[in-house]
Amino acid sequence: MAWYSQTDATTDSHTILMEPVMYKAAMEGRIDEVMLEANKDKLDIIVSPYKNTVLHIAALFGKTECLKNILAKCPQIYDPLNSRGETPLHIAAREGHNEIVKLLIKHANTTNYDGASVPMLMQTNEDKDTVLHEAVRNCHTALVELFNKEAPELSQLSNNAEETPLYLAAEKGLGDIVKQILECHLVPNIAPGYGGPYGRNALHAAVLRDSQDCADKLLEWKQDLLKESDVCGWTPLHYAARFGYVPMVKKLLEKDKFVAYLAAENDDKKTALHVATMQGHLEVMRVLISECPGCWEMLNIRGQNILHIAVKSGREAVMKFILRHSWLSSLINQKDNEGNTPLHLLVTSKCYMPEFIMHPRVDKNAFNKENLTAA
């Protein structure tokens, strides 16, 4: 009996459309000896509309015995590709079917030669995701450990989105998986990749997630991640400041206080303090100024200090904080590249602050480059 369509059967010149009864049998793990014998020469080309073979379907639904029977009858078809370039191993890794993953790896090695599973493990789908990407993304810790053991090189590969497995783990806040991947560097000549989209690294991802656990592990492994910037020039500290993650800011500064002086070359030369000021995160500002007192002097690309920035951002609480501190209030008459003091910017804004205007140190008669005073 044929278990594929007899009329209009081909999905393309090389494949045959699978009958619903065969698809259902694979779903339920009921593909028997008769069905396999009748179709053993075609199992690699009898496919669903998505070009899944019975192996893909059995892997998807976790039918270990069914998959074992298929491999016994057709030992050479263990790694066919579907429409997305996925092998059955990709699907088993995504779904967390540990026994099927082990079965496929063992089968590849015993059917061909020891180590024959490595090309299958390294296979990427149309998104350039490996089985390790799938296991990490779906939080399958045991499979991550297995894949790292079988093919440590997997940790070095990035997908089309430029995500490495380590980046994905940090992005999800998966400290145990971060630890497992980092252990790959114990293998000679194999260091895990740590990059992500937009030039970010795994520490950027851990900070964005506000994962103290992941950040600790990454900093212990590679402290220089602190100083690396993304395409905007933002370091991990910039992001911690942006989202007001005070404990994370403290953690990063404990490792290296000088990162507070790093300016974003591709984003107006903003420092972490400038970013915190823009967002009105007073506690982050206090930590930065306390740990790195010189950072309050730094200017952005427009020559503006944190008081200019607070005025432009409409952050009244920040303005009051600055004006209350004598050593910060010295910023009150500093001019930017256009010759504007913070007061020039204040009077053209919608913000009304008598305590600013009446501050004893303010110079209301200061001229900008257009020969205009703020008064």
Protein backbone atom coordinates (compact mmCIF):
# COMPACT_ATOMS: atom_id res chain seq x y z
CA MET A 1 0.00 0.00 0.00
CA ALA A 2 1.31 3.46 -0.91
CA TRP A 3 1.26 6.04 1.86
CA TYR A 4 1.45 9.05 -0.39
CA SER A 5 -0.87 10.78 -2.83
CA GLN A 6 -1.30 8.98 -6.15
CA THR A 7 -2.82 11.96 -7.94
CA ASP A 8 -1.10 15.30 -8.24
CA ALA A 9 1.35 13.80 -5.78
CA THR A 10 4.47 15.83 -6.25
CA THR A 11 5.14 18.97 -4.26
CA ASP A 12 8.09 19.55 -6.57
CA SER A 13 10.09 17.40 -8.98
CA HIS A 14 11.94 15.63 -6.17
CA THR A 15 9.30 15.06 -3.49
CA ILE A 16 5.97 13.29 -3.01
CA LEU A 17 3.15 14.67 -0.88
CA MET A 18 2.50 12.58 2.23
CA GLU A 19 -0.98 11.14 2.74
CA PRO A 20 -2.83 12.35 5.87
CA VAL A 21 -2.98 8.78 7.21
CA MET A 22 0.81 8.52 7.18
CA TYR A 23 1.21 11.96 8.78
CA LYS A 24 -1.19 10.97 11.55
CA ALA A 25 0.59 7.66 12.07
CA ALA A 26 3.90 9.51 12.54
CA MET A 27 2.25 11.96 14.95
CA GLU A 28 0.90 9.13 17.05
CA GLY A 29 3.95 6.90 16.77
CA ARG A 30 2.05 4.20 14.88
CA ILE A 31 4.22 3.73 11.79
CA ASP A 32 4.47 -0.05 11.63
CA GLU A 33 6.64 -2.57 9.80
CA VAL A 34 4.20 -2.89 6.89
CA MET A 35 4.13 0.85 6.28
CA LEU A 36 7.91 1.12 6.52
CA GLU A 37 8.54 -1.83 4.21
CA ALA A 38 6.14 -0.47 1.60
CA ASN A 39 7.80 2.96 1.58
CA LYS A 40 11.40 2.38 2.68
CA ASP A 41 12.84 3.57 -0.64
CA LYS A 42 10.82 6.79 -0.55
CA LEU A 43 10.81 7.89 3.10
CA ASP A 44 13.28 10.67 2.37
CA ILE A 45 11.07 12.18 -0.34
CA ILE A 46 7.58 11.57 1.06
CA VAL A 47 6.98 14.88 2.80
CA SER A 48 4.35 17.16 4.27
CA PRO A 49 3.60 20.55 2.65
CA TYR A 50 6.36 21.96 4.88
CA LYS A 51 8.66 19.21 3.59
CA ASN A 52 8.78 17.42 6.90
CA THR A 53 9.56 13.72 6.61
CA VAL A 54 8.16 11.12 8.99
CA LEU A 55 11.40 11.56 10.97
CA HIS A 56 10.69 15.28 11.45
CA ILE A 57 7.13 14.51 12.54
CA ALA A 58 8.14 11.77 14.97
CA ALA A 59 10.80 14.10 16.42
CA LEU A 60 8.27 16.92 16.78
CA PHE A 61 5.84 14.80 18.76
CA GLY A 62 8.47 12.97 20.80
CA LYS A 63 7.79 9.50 19.40
CA THR A 64 11.09 7.85 20.27
CA GLU A 65 10.19 4.23 19.46
CA CYS A 66 8.63 5.22 16.17
CA LEU A 67 11.75 7.17 15.21
CA LYS A 68 13.93 4.23 16.25
CA ASN A 69 11.94 1.91 13.96
CA ILE A 70 12.25 4.32 11.04
CA LEU A 71 16.01 4.58 11.48
CA ALA A 72 16.34 0.80 11.72
CA LYS A 73 14.55 0.37 8.40
CA CYS A 74 16.16 3.36 6.65
CA PRO A 75 19.46 4.05 8.46
CA GLN A 76 20.81 6.61 5.97
CA ILE A 77 18.01 9.21 6.20
CA TYR A 78 18.70 10.52 9.70
CA ASP A 79 19.29 14.17 8.73
CA PRO A 80 16.86 15.27 5.95
CA LEU A 81 16.00 18.97 5.68
CA ASN A 82 12.54 20.51 5.69
CA SER A 83 11.50 23.82 4.10
CA ARG A 84 13.36 25.83 6.75
CA GLY A 85 16.50 23.77 6.44
CA GLU A 86 15.80 21.99 9.73
CA THR A 87 16.90 18.46 10.49
CA PRO A 88 14.91 16.22 12.86
CA LEU A 89 17.64 17.06 15.39
CA HIS A 90 16.77 20.78 15.17
CA ILE A 91 13.16 19.96 15.96
CA ALA A 92 13.98 17.58 18.81
CA ALA A 93 16.32 20.20 20.29
CA ARG A 94 13.65 22.90 20.10
CA GLU A 95 11.01 20.67 21.69
CA GLY A 96 13.35 19.35 24.39
CA HIS A 97 13.05 15.67 23.48
CA ASN A 98 16.27 14.51 25.10
CA GLU A 99 15.99 10.81 24.25
CA ILE A 100 15.38 11.51 20.59
CA VAL A 101 18.39 13.83 20.49
CA LYS A 102 20.58 11.12 22.02
CA LEU A 103 19.17 8.53 19.64
CA LEU A 104 19.92 10.63 16.55
CA ILE A 105 23.47 11.39 17.67
CA LYS A 106 24.18 7.75 18.52
CA HIS A 107 22.66 6.59 15.24
CA ALA A 108 24.82 8.95 13.17
CA ASN A 109 27.98 7.77 14.92
CA THR A 110 27.22 4.04 14.74
CA THR A 111 25.81 4.02 11.22
CA ASN A 112 28.76 5.85 9.68
CA TYR A 113 31.82 6.43 11.86
CA ASP A 114 32.61 7.80 15.29
CA GLY A 115 32.20 11.57 15.08
CA ALA A 116 29.81 11.43 12.12
CA SER A 117 27.23 13.22 14.25
CA VAL A 118 29.29 16.43 14.26
CA PRO A 119 28.26 17.60 10.74
CA MET A 120 24.63 16.98 11.72
CA LEU A 121 25.12 18.90 14.97
CA MET A 122 26.75 21.79 13.10
CA GLN A 123 23.97 21.97 10.49
CA THR A 124 22.21 25.35 10.41
CA ASN A 125 18.68 26.15 9.30
CA GLU A 126 17.62 29.07 7.12
CA ASP A 127 18.08 31.43 10.07
CA LYS A 128 21.57 29.99 10.63
CA ASP A 129 20.37 28.59 13.95
CA THR A 130 22.16 25.48 15.17
CA VAL A 131 20.71 22.89 17.51
CA LEU A 132 22.48 24.72 20.34
CA HIS A 133 20.67 27.95 19.47
CA GLU A 134 17.38 26.04 19.63
CA ALA A 135 18.20 24.39 22.96
CA VAL A 136 19.27 27.69 24.55
CA ARG A 137 16.32 29.65 23.19
CA ASN A 138 13.92 27.11 24.64
CA CYS A 139 15.75 26.75 27.97
CA HIS A 140 16.65 23.07 27.62
CA THR A 141 19.59 22.95 30.01
CA ALA A 142 20.34 19.23 29.69
CA LEU A 143 20.54 19.48 25.91
CA VAL A 144 22.86 22.48 26.09
CA GLU A 145 25.21 20.39 28.21
CA LEU A 146 25.00 17.49 25.76
CA PHE A 147 25.62 19.63 22.67
CA ASN A 148 28.58 21.38 24.30
CA LYS A 149 30.09 17.99 25.05
CA GLU A 150 29.48 16.53 21.58
CA ALA A 151 30.51 19.60 19.57
CA PRO A 152 32.08 22.45 21.59
CA GLU A 153 32.50 24.43 18.36
CA LEU A 154 28.75 25.07 18.37
CA SER A 155 29.24 27.77 20.98
CA GLN A 156 31.25 29.84 18.49
CA LEU A 157 28.55 30.14 15.83
CA SER A 158 26.21 33.09 15.37
CA ASN A 159 22.94 33.06 13.44
CA ASN A 160 21.56 35.51 10.88
CA ALA A 161 20.57 37.86 13.71
CA GLU A 162 24.22 37.75 14.87
CA GLU A 163 23.17 35.98 18.07
CA THR A 164 25.59 33.51 19.59
CA PRO A 165 24.23 30.89 22.01
CA LEU A 166 25.94 32.71 24.90
CA TYR A 167 24.22 35.97 23.95
CA LEU A 168 20.84 34.22 23.83
CA ALA A 169 21.41 32.66 27.25
CA ALA A 170 22.36 36.02 28.78
CA GLU A 171 19.43 37.73 27.07
CA LYS A 172 17.09 35.26 28.76
CA GLY A 173 18.84 35.49 32.11
CA LEU A 174 19.75 31.79 32.09
CA GLY A 175 22.68 31.71 34.49
CA ASP A 176 23.06 27.92 34.47
CA ILE A 177 23.25 27.84 30.68
CA VAL A 178 25.69 30.76 30.61
CA LYS A 179 27.90 28.77 32.98
CA GLN A 180 27.71 25.66 30.80
CA ILE A 181 28.64 27.53 27.64
CA LEU A 182 31.51 29.34 29.33
CA GLU A 183 32.94 25.98 30.32
CA CYS A 184 33.62 25.44 26.61
CA HIS A 185 36.65 27.69 26.96
CA LEU A 186 38.26 24.94 29.01
CA VAL A 187 38.57 22.98 25.75
CA PRO A 188 41.89 23.90 24.05
CA ASN A 189 41.53 26.44 21.22
CA ILE A 190 37.76 26.74 21.65
CA ALA A 191 36.44 29.97 23.14
CA PRO A 192 32.70 30.58 22.99
CA GLY A 193 31.44 33.43 20.87
CA TYR A 194 29.72 36.19 22.81
CA GLY A 195 28.38 38.58 20.19
CA GLY A 196 24.84 39.69 19.50
CA PRO A 197 22.83 42.05 17.29
CA TYR A 198 23.90 45.66 16.72
CA GLY A 199 27.41 44.99 17.95
CA ARG A 200 26.27 44.13 21.46
CA ASN A 201 27.95 41.46 23.54
CA ALA A 202 26.60 38.98 26.07
CA LEU A 203 27.16 41.43 28.93
CA HIS A 204 24.98 44.00 27.15
CA ALA A 205 22.31 41.28 27.00
CA ALA A 206 22.68 40.40 30.69
CA VAL A 207 22.38 44.08 31.63
CA LEU A 208 19.33 44.61 29.45
CA ARG A 209 17.75 41.62 31.21
CA ASP A 210 18.99 43.00 34.55
CA SER A 211 20.39 39.55 35.32
CA GLN A 212 22.87 39.84 38.16
CA ASP A 213 23.67 36.14 37.92
CA CYS A 214 24.59 36.23 34.23
CA ALA A 215 26.54 39.46 34.64
CA ASP A 216 28.60 37.95 37.48
CA LYS A 217 29.52 34.89 35.42
CA LEU A 218 30.39 36.91 32.33
CA LEU A 219 32.51 39.42 34.23
CA GLU A 220 34.40 36.62 35.95
CA TRP A 221 35.09 35.07 32.55
CA LYS A 222 35.95 38.21 30.57
CA GLN A 223 35.98 41.54 32.38
CA ASP A 224 36.84 43.48 29.22
CA LEU A 225 33.24 43.00 28.06
CA LEU A 226 32.59 46.06 30.25
CA LYS A 227 34.47 48.31 27.85
CA GLU A 228 33.03 47.01 24.60
CA SER A 229 30.52 49.26 22.86
CA ASP A 230 27.75 48.48 20.40
CA VAL A 231 27.06 50.22 17.08
CA CYS A 232 25.77 53.28 18.96
CA GLY A 233 28.87 53.40 21.11
CA TRP A 234 26.95 52.29 24.20
CA THR A 235 28.70 50.12 26.77
CA PRO A 236 26.79 47.84 29.17
CA LEU A 237 26.95 50.68 31.73
CA HIS A 238 25.08 52.99 29.35
CA TYR A 239 22.19 50.51 29.28
CA ALA A 240 22.20 50.00 33.05
CA ALA A 241 21.98 53.80 33.40
CA ARG A 242 19.29 54.04 30.71
CA PHE A 243 16.94 51.69 32.54
CA GLY A 244 17.77 52.81 36.06
CA TYR A 245 19.20 49.46 37.19
CA VAL A 246 20.98 50.75 40.31
CA PRO A 247 22.39 47.41 41.61
CA MET A 248 23.68 46.61 38.12
CA VAL A 249 25.34 50.03 37.86
CA LYS A 250 27.07 49.39 41.19
CA LYS A 251 28.20 45.93 40.07
CA LEU A 252 29.74 47.23 36.85
CA LEU A 253 31.52 50.08 38.61
CA GLU A 254 32.92 47.67 41.21
CA LYS A 255 34.73 45.91 38.38
CA ASP A 256 35.99 49.05 36.64
CA LYS A 257 35.11 52.61 37.65
CA PHE A 258 36.70 54.06 34.54
CA VAL A 259 33.88 52.79 32.31
CA ALA A 260 31.90 55.78 33.61
CA TYR A 261 34.19 57.97 31.51
CA LEU A 262 33.53 56.13 28.25
CA ALA A 263 31.53 58.25 25.81
CA ALA A 264 29.34 56.92 23.00
CA GLU A 265 31.22 57.94 19.87
CA ASN A 266 28.23 57.28 17.62
CA ASP A 267 25.62 58.85 19.89
CA ASP A 268 26.58 62.44 20.68
CA LYS A 269 29.42 61.32 22.96
CA LYS A 270 26.97 60.57 25.75
CA THR A 271 28.35 59.08 28.94
CA ALA A 272 26.35 56.85 31.27
CA LEU A 273 25.77 59.92 33.47
CA HIS A 274 24.34 61.84 30.51
CA VAL A 275 21.99 58.93 29.80
CA ALA A 276 20.86 58.69 33.43
CA THR A 277 20.28 62.46 33.43
CA MET A 278 18.13 62.29 30.30
CA GLN A 279 16.00 59.57 31.89
CA GLY A 280 15.76 61.29 35.27
CA HIS A 281 17.30 58.37 37.18
CA LEU A 282 18.53 60.28 40.22
CA GLU A 283 19.77 57.28 42.18
CA VAL A 284 21.91 56.14 39.23
CA MET A 285 23.29 59.67 38.99
CA ARG A 286 24.16 59.64 42.69
CA VAL A 287 26.01 56.33 42.35
CA LEU A 288 27.93 57.45 39.26
CA ILE A 289 28.97 60.78 40.77
CA SER A 290 29.87 59.16 44.08
CA GLU A 291 32.01 56.41 42.55
CA CYS A 292 33.45 58.48 39.69
CA PRO A 293 33.34 62.13 40.78
CA GLY A 294 35.06 63.42 37.67
CA CYS A 295 32.34 62.18 35.34
CA TRP A 296 30.08 65.16 36.09
CA GLU A 297 32.54 67.39 34.20
CA MET A 298 32.14 65.55 30.91
CA LEU A 299 30.34 67.19 28.00
CA ASN A 300 28.41 65.72 25.10
CA ILE A 301 29.17 66.45 21.45
CA ARG A 302 27.30 69.77 21.72
CA GLY A 303 29.46 70.88 24.61
CA GLN A 304 26.57 70.47 27.04
CA ASN A 305 26.90 69.43 30.67
CA ILE A 306 24.41 67.45 32.74
CA LEU A 307 22.48 70.60 33.69
CA HIS A 308 22.03 71.52 30.01
CA ILE A 309 20.85 67.95 29.43
CA ALA A 310 18.46 67.99 32.39
CA VAL A 311 16.89 71.22 31.12
CA LYS A 312 16.55 69.89 27.56
CA SER A 313 15.00 66.68 28.89
CA GLY A 314 12.59 68.50 31.19
CA ARG A 315 13.89 66.71 34.30
CA GLU A 316 12.99 69.13 37.10
CA ALA A 317 14.02 66.76 39.89
CA VAL A 318 17.45 66.42 38.34
CA MET A 319 17.79 70.20 37.99
CA LYS A 320 16.92 70.66 41.66
CA PHE A 321 19.41 67.95 42.63
CA ILE A 322 22.19 69.71 40.74
CA LEU A 323 21.32 73.17 42.04
CA ARG A 324 21.30 71.93 45.65
CA HIS A 325 24.93 70.80 45.48
CA SER A 326 27.42 73.65 45.47
CA TRP A 327 30.08 71.72 43.56
CA LEU A 328 27.55 70.79 40.87
CA SER A 329 25.90 74.19 40.73
CA SER A 330 29.11 75.49 39.18
CA LEU A 331 27.65 74.08 35.97
CA ILE A 332 24.93 76.73 35.99
CA ASN A 333 26.78 79.29 33.86
CA GLN A 334 28.78 76.91 31.66
CA LYS A 335 28.24 77.53 27.95
CA ASP A 336 27.72 74.92 25.25
CA ASN A 337 29.05 75.08 21.68
CA GLU A 338 26.42 77.69 20.81
CA GLY A 339 27.29 79.80 23.81
CA ASN A 340 24.08 78.89 25.60
CA THR A 341 24.06 78.46 29.36
CA PRO A 342 21.50 76.08 30.91
CA LEU A 343 19.41 79.19 31.67
CA HIS A 344 19.25 80.05 27.95
CA LEU A 345 17.76 76.61 27.36
CA LEU A 346 15.41 76.92 30.33
CA VAL A 347 13.78 80.15 29.18
CA THR A 348 13.06 78.68 25.73
CA SER A 349 11.52 75.56 27.27
CA LYS A 350 8.10 75.05 28.80
CA CYS A 351 9.62 74.50 32.21
CA TYR A 352 9.23 77.22 34.86
CA MET A 353 11.57 76.94 37.85
CA PRO A 354 11.85 80.01 40.09
CA GLU A 355 14.60 78.37 42.15
CA PHE A 356 16.69 78.05 39.00
CA ILE A 357 16.08 81.58 37.79
CA MET A 358 16.68 83.05 41.26
CA HIS A 359 19.69 80.90 42.08
CA PRO A 360 22.44 83.12 43.56
CA ARG A 361 25.06 81.85 41.12
CA VAL A 362 23.07 82.25 37.91
CA ASP A 363 24.29 84.88 35.43
CA LYS A 364 21.20 86.21 33.70
CA ASN A 365 23.26 88.54 31.54
CA ALA A 366 25.48 85.91 29.93
CA PHE A 367 25.53 86.24 26.13
CA ASN A 368 25.39 83.34 23.71
CA LYS A 369 26.94 83.40 20.22
CA GLU A 370 23.89 85.22 18.88
CA ASN A 371 24.52 87.96 21.43
CA LEU A 372 21.36 87.05 23.31
CA THR A 373 20.99 86.87 27.06
CA ALA A 374 18.60 84.56 28.87
CA ALA A 375 16.89 87.46 30.65
